Amino acid sequence: MRSSKPLSNNASYPSHQASNLTELLEQAADALAQKYKREGTFTNASNVKEYLKLKLGSYDREVFALMLLDSQHQLIRFEELFFGTIDAAAVYPREVVKASLNANAAAVILAHNHPSGSAEPSQADINITDTLVRALKLIDVRVLDHIVVGEQCVSLAERGLL
């Protein structure tokens, strides 16, 4: 949700300027997505982490999302699928498969945030990743990574957990 309200009555502020930090982060994430769409792909873990930190870092509850990618690993779209509480979000493999099929994705990057700030993956995070990898493999969609966003970002692929 974007606001078009001016920050103040001062004429030096354009009316389209973002009114809060969340909106600024969303705009920055959109700009990164456009940059990577034009200049490269999301195969570099640091690019993915930078993008996801902007997209999911400001939430005060867990959000599970997908980066839906084409066969060249360019972003088709970013989709937030499940919203949870401060320390958990229910993830349904059927809905992940459905979203992947609807986008005609060749690959996905799974992502969710930890509002506590600690990006250390839990055993539940590892288990749902395994379940989703198996489910998506049935429809020939590759899971490239699962990124946990906190103060820092942790890649399950980089840790050998994927």
Protein backbone atom coordinates (compact mmCIF):
# COMPACT_ATOMS: atom_id res chain seq x y z
CA MET A 1 0.00 0.00 0.00
CA ARG A 2 1.47 3.29 -1.05
CA SER A 3 0.38 6.69 0.10
CA SER A 4 0.36 9.75 -2.08
CA LYS A 5 0.02 12.17 0.84
CA PRO A 6 2.68 14.87 1.08
CA LEU A 7 5.02 14.81 4.06
CA SER A 8 4.21 18.39 4.94
CA ASN A 9 2.65 21.54 3.59
CA ASN A 10 6.10 22.73 2.59
CA ALA A 11 6.13 23.15 -1.19
CA SER A 12 9.68 21.73 -1.43
CA TYR A 13 8.35 18.20 -0.76
CA PRO A 14 6.80 16.49 -3.76
CA SER A 15 3.42 14.89 -3.11
CA HIS A 16 4.62 11.49 -4.31
CA GLN A 17 7.38 11.19 -1.69
CA ALA A 18 7.06 8.14 0.61
CA SER A 19 5.51 8.89 3.98
CA ASN A 20 7.20 6.25 6.10
CA LEU A 21 10.11 3.83 6.32
CA THR A 22 8.13 0.81 5.13
CA GLU A 23 7.13 2.59 1.95
CA LEU A 24 10.74 3.65 1.34
CA LEU A 25 11.94 0.06 1.79
CA GLU A 26 9.25 -1.18 -0.59
CA GLN A 27 10.32 1.39 -3.20
CA ALA A 28 13.96 0.38 -2.78
CA ALA A 29 13.06 -3.30 -3.21
CA ASP A 30 11.08 -2.47 -6.35
CA ALA A 31 14.05 -0.53 -7.73
CA LEU A 32 16.39 -3.48 -7.05
CA ALA A 33 13.96 -5.86 -8.74
CA GLN A 34 13.91 -3.63 -11.83
CA LYS A 35 17.70 -3.37 -11.80
CA TYR A 36 18.19 -7.14 -11.59
CA LYS A 37 15.49 -7.71 -14.19
CA ARG A 38 17.45 -5.50 -16.61
CA GLU A 39 21.03 -6.24 -15.61
CA GLY A 40 21.18 -9.75 -14.29
CA THR A 41 19.60 -12.54 -12.42
CA PHE A 42 18.93 -13.59 -8.88
CA THR A 43 21.58 -16.31 -8.91
CA ASN A 44 23.93 -14.29 -6.70
CA ALA A 45 23.12 -14.91 -3.01
CA SER A 46 24.13 -11.39 -1.97
CA ASN A 47 21.69 -9.85 -4.51
CA VAL A 48 18.91 -12.09 -3.23
CA LYS A 49 19.65 -11.27 0.41
CA GLU A 50 19.74 -7.53 -0.29
CA TYR A 51 16.39 -7.70 -2.08
CA LEU A 52 14.71 -9.88 0.56
CA LYS A 53 15.99 -7.78 3.45
CA LEU A 54 14.19 -4.81 1.92
CA LYS A 55 11.03 -6.80 1.17
CA LEU A 56 10.66 -8.69 4.47
CA GLY A 57 12.88 -6.96 7.01
CA SER A 58 10.33 -4.49 8.36
CA TYR A 59 7.52 -6.88 9.25
CA ASP A 60 6.65 -7.40 12.92
CA ARG A 61 5.21 -10.88 12.25
CA GLU A 62 6.43 -13.82 10.21
CA VAL A 63 5.79 -13.65 6.49
CA PHE A 64 6.57 -16.51 4.11
CA ALA A 65 7.18 -15.47 0.50
CA LEU A 66 8.31 -16.77 -2.86
CA MET A 67 10.55 -15.30 -5.49
CA LEU A 68 9.13 -16.86 -8.65
CA LEU A 69 11.79 -17.08 -11.36
CA ASP A 70 11.90 -17.94 -15.04
CA SER A 71 14.33 -20.42 -16.62
CA GLN A 72 17.03 -17.70 -16.74
CA HIS A 73 16.47 -17.02 -13.02
CA GLN A 74 15.00 -13.61 -13.67
CA LEU A 75 12.23 -12.50 -11.36
CA ILE A 76 8.71 -13.11 -12.65
CA ARG A 77 7.22 -11.81 -9.43
CA PHE A 78 7.59 -11.70 -5.67
CA GLU A 79 4.63 -13.14 -3.81
CA GLU A 80 3.91 -13.05 -0.08
CA LEU A 81 1.88 -16.19 0.59
CA PHE A 82 1.50 -16.73 4.32
CA PHE A 83 1.27 -14.35 7.25
CA GLY A 84 1.76 -15.63 10.77
CA THR A 85 2.41 -14.45 14.28
CA ILE A 86 5.54 -13.05 15.90
CA ASP A 87 7.27 -16.45 15.85
CA ALA A 88 5.53 -18.74 13.34
CA ALA A 89 3.69 -18.90 10.03
CA ALA A 90 1.81 -21.90 8.69
CA VAL A 91 3.06 -22.87 5.22
CA TYR A 92 0.95 -25.04 2.94
CA PRO A 93 2.85 -26.87 0.17
CA ARG A 94 -0.28 -27.02 -2.01
CA GLU A 95 -0.43 -23.20 -2.14
CA VAL A 96 3.29 -22.94 -2.92
CA VAL A 97 2.87 -25.39 -5.81
CA LYS A 98 -0.22 -23.51 -7.03
CA ALA A 99 1.59 -20.15 -6.98
CA SER A 100 4.54 -21.66 -8.88
CA LEU A 101 2.26 -23.11 -11.55
CA ASN A 102 0.24 -19.89 -11.86
CA ALA A 103 3.45 -17.93 -12.51
CA ASN A 104 4.82 -20.60 -14.85
CA ALA A 105 7.97 -20.52 -12.72
CA ALA A 106 10.97 -22.68 -13.56
CA ALA A 107 12.60 -22.01 -10.19
CA VAL A 108 11.82 -20.43 -6.85
CA ILE A 109 13.61 -18.93 -3.91
CA LEU A 110 11.78 -19.46 -0.63
CA ALA A 111 11.99 -16.73 1.98
CA HIS A 112 10.62 -15.79 5.34
CA ASN A 113 11.50 -13.40 8.10
CA HIS A 114 12.20 -13.82 11.80
CA PRO A 115 10.84 -10.70 13.52
CA SER A 116 13.03 -11.47 16.56
CA GLY A 117 16.03 -10.40 14.48
CA SER A 118 17.81 -13.76 14.71
CA ALA A 119 17.99 -15.32 11.25
CA GLU A 120 19.14 -18.69 12.57
CA PRO A 121 17.00 -21.35 10.81
CA SER A 122 14.91 -23.50 13.11
CA GLN A 123 14.35 -27.23 12.67
CA ALA A 124 10.83 -26.35 11.47
CA ASP A 125 12.39 -24.09 8.79
CA ILE A 126 14.60 -26.95 7.61
CA ASN A 127 11.70 -29.42 7.64
CA ILE A 128 9.34 -27.21 5.59
CA THR A 129 12.16 -26.54 3.13
CA ASP A 130 12.61 -30.29 2.59
CA THR A 131 8.86 -30.75 2.13
CA LEU A 132 8.65 -27.91 -0.38
CA VAL A 133 11.69 -29.13 -2.34
CA ARG A 134 10.03 -32.55 -2.71
CA ALA A 135 6.64 -31.08 -3.67
CA LEU A 136 8.08 -28.65 -6.24
CA LYS A 137 10.34 -31.32 -7.72
CA LEU A 138 7.18 -33.22 -8.76
CA ILE A 139 6.28 -30.32 -11.08
CA ASP A 140 9.86 -29.66 -12.25
CA VAL A 141 10.35 -26.43 -10.31
CA ARG A 142 13.80 -26.04 -8.76
CA VAL A 143 14.22 -24.57 -5.29
CA LEU A 144 17.39 -22.51 -5.52
CA ASP A 145 17.48 -21.38 -1.90
CA HIS A 146 15.56 -20.62 1.26
CA ILE A 147 16.59 -17.31 2.84
CA VAL A 148 15.76 -16.47 6.44
CA VAL A 149 15.66 -12.71 7.01
CA GLY A 150 16.50 -11.18 10.38
CA GLU A 151 19.10 -8.59 11.34
CA GLN A 152 21.21 -10.51 8.83
CA CYS A 153 20.11 -13.01 6.18
CA VAL A 154 20.91 -16.72 6.26
CA SER A 155 20.94 -18.88 3.14
CA LEU A 156 20.07 -22.53 3.68
CA ALA A 157 21.80 -23.37 0.37
CA GLU A 158 25.04 -21.74 1.55
CA ARG A 159 24.85 -23.82 4.71
CA GLY A 160 24.37 -27.02 2.73
CA LEU A 161 20.85 -27.54 4.07
CA LEU A 162 19.15 -27.56 0.67
